[in-house]
Amino acid sequence: MKKFRTLSALLLVSFVVLLAFTPAFAGDRTLRLSTLAPLTTVDPHSTVNIQDKMVLLQIFEPLFRQNEATGEYEPRVAESYSVGEDGLSYTFVLRKGVKFHNGEEVKASDVVFSFKRAATNPKVRSYLAAMADVSASDDYTVVVKLKQPNAAFINNQTNIMIISRKEVEEQGSEFGTKITLSGTGPYYFTQLKHDVEWTCEAFPDYYRGAAPIKKIYYVPIIEASAGLIAFESGELDWYIAPIANWSALTSNPAFKTQLVPANHISFVAINYLRPPLDDDNIRLAIAYAIDKEAMNIACYDGHAVEADFMIQPQNTGAPTKGVVYNYDPEKAKEYVAKSAYPKGTHLGAINCSAGGYFEKMAQVLQSNLADIGLTCDINRLDSGTNLEMSRSQRFDMLCTGFSPNGDYESARLYSYTKSVGSFYVKYEGDKFDYKTMDELWDAGIATSDVAERQKIYSKLSDWIANTATMLPVFHKVQPYVWNPALKIPVNYPNYPQVYEWSWAE
C-alpha cells in the first residue's frame, strides 16, 4: 500500500499558507480541523493509526458503532443483530436505504466483501480472528459464523468498516491512495492532496439525515505549538491543545475548553530481540527506572492518570491487581548490577513521533536511564515512518500508545502472535512461552462470563508484565479547545463525531 509522506519542515512552513488559501466554499461555513500527521491511507482496513481514524471515522461506518462516552453499541449500517443459542453465529439485519457515497445502496454482499477483505489485512484481521465464515442470506441479512464463542465479537466488529465492493474493485491497487466514494458515513472526500490537505462535504443522502456542518477542511500540523498558533489566530475551529498551555486557554473567554479523560494507554515498548535489551535484568532495570509521575508532569502537566496496567478499569475484563512496576531507581540499579552489564551500557535509541508528547516521554525516559547508568539516544521520526518501524519491530525502545475500544480483547492487536503487522513486540520465538499468551487470549473470548474473563485477562496481564517488554506509563487526557461558534454536545475521549456538531445561529 502506497503511503502518503512529506517532510515535517515542509508542513510547518506551508500550513499557514494552506489555511489562508483554502478554497472559498459557497454557502455554509467551513469547519477547519487539523491532525498531527498526514494520512497514511484512506483505506479503512489498512490502518489503526489514531490520526487516520480521526478522519476516516467521519467517512466510514461499521455495522454497529460503540459510543465512546456511554459504552453502548449503536446501530449504523445494520439496524439489529441476534446471537445463536450456541454463541457461534451472529445474524445482522441491514438497514434498507443506506447508500454508499457513490449513490448505490449497501447490500449484504458488500458487508460480506468487507469482512472477508478485512480478515486478510494484517492491520485489522485480529478483530476477526474468531470468524470462520461470513455469508449473505439475502440482500439485507448477513450471518457471521465463529470458530468458537467470542464474547467480544460485537466490540471487535466496530473496527470493521463497511465499504463498497464495486468501488474497491474499480480502483484496484490504487484504492486507499486516492479519493474514494466507498463509505457510508456522514461525510465524503471531495479533495485529497496527498499529505498536504484534504476536504470533505456532508453526504446529502446520509440515512440519518445530512450533517448540519456541510464542509470540512483538514490540514496536517505536526508541531503542537504550530497548531496552537493556528487555533489562536482563528485558522482552526477545534484543536487538541498542548497541555502546557491549558491554564492560559481555560482563562481566555474567547475559547471553549474541556479536559476529557481518554481511553488510551501511553507506554514504553522494549524490543528484547536486540542486545543488550535481551538481558532480562536490563529490561527489569528499565521497568523500575521509569518515573511515571515525571512523565505525566512533562507530557500532561500532571493531568493524566498514571497507569498500573495496559487497560483501564472501565474496559470489560480489565485487571485491577497483578504485576506492577513502580518507580524505584535503587532497585533499578540492583538489576543493572545483576545484568551482564554491571557497569552500565548503551541501549540504542528510543523511537518516538516527533513534536508531540511521546517525544517528551522519550526525553524523561532518557534521563531516568542515565540516572541508573544506562545511556541511549532519541530517534525522532515522522508519524508514518515511526508507525511503520514500530509494526515491523525496527526499534530498540519505543514511546507509543493505543486506544482500547471498551473491552480488554481490543489489546489483542498489539501482542497476539497472529497479529502480524500490528503488534509491537514479537513474542513468538524461544525466549518466552508465547503459546501460553496466545492461549490466554483465546480463552478470554471463549466465555461470556465477565468475572471469568477478568481472571483470564489478569493472568495474561501478568504474563506480559513479567516479560518487561510493554510498560504502561499513563492514561492521557484530551485538552480540547474550540471556537465558541461551534455547538458540540459531546467531546468524545478519542474520536470526534463531527456529524453531531453545528454552528451556533
Foldseek 3Di string as FASTA:
>chain_A
DAFFDDDQVVQLVCVVVCLVPPDDDPDFDAAEAEFQAFAGWLPLLADQDLRNCLPNVQFWFFQWAQFQVPRDTHGAQFHDWDADPQLFKIKTFGDFQQAFLVGDTQWQVQVQVQLVVSCPHLAQVLLVPQWPHKDAPGRGMIMTGGPFRFLCNSVSRRSGTGFDPVQCVVCDPCHGVDFTRTHRHQWGWDDDPRRAKTKIAGRCSRPVGHFQRGMYIYGHNNALVSVVVCVVVPSHFKDQHQLVCQVVQVPDPQKDKDKFFFQKFKWKFAALVDPPSVWQLLLLLLLQLQALQVLCCQRNVRPFAWDQFQGDPQAQLAEDDADGHHHDNVVSLVSCCVTPRNQEEEQEEEEEAPNHSLVVSRVSSQVSQVSSRYHYYYDHDHPVVSLQCQLVQVGRMYTDMHHARRHPLSCCCAAQQSSRSRHRYNPPDDSAPNVLLNVLSVVLRNDNPRVVSNVSVSVNRNRVVSSSRIHTRTRHIGIMMGRPQKDQPDDRNRHDNSSRIHGHD
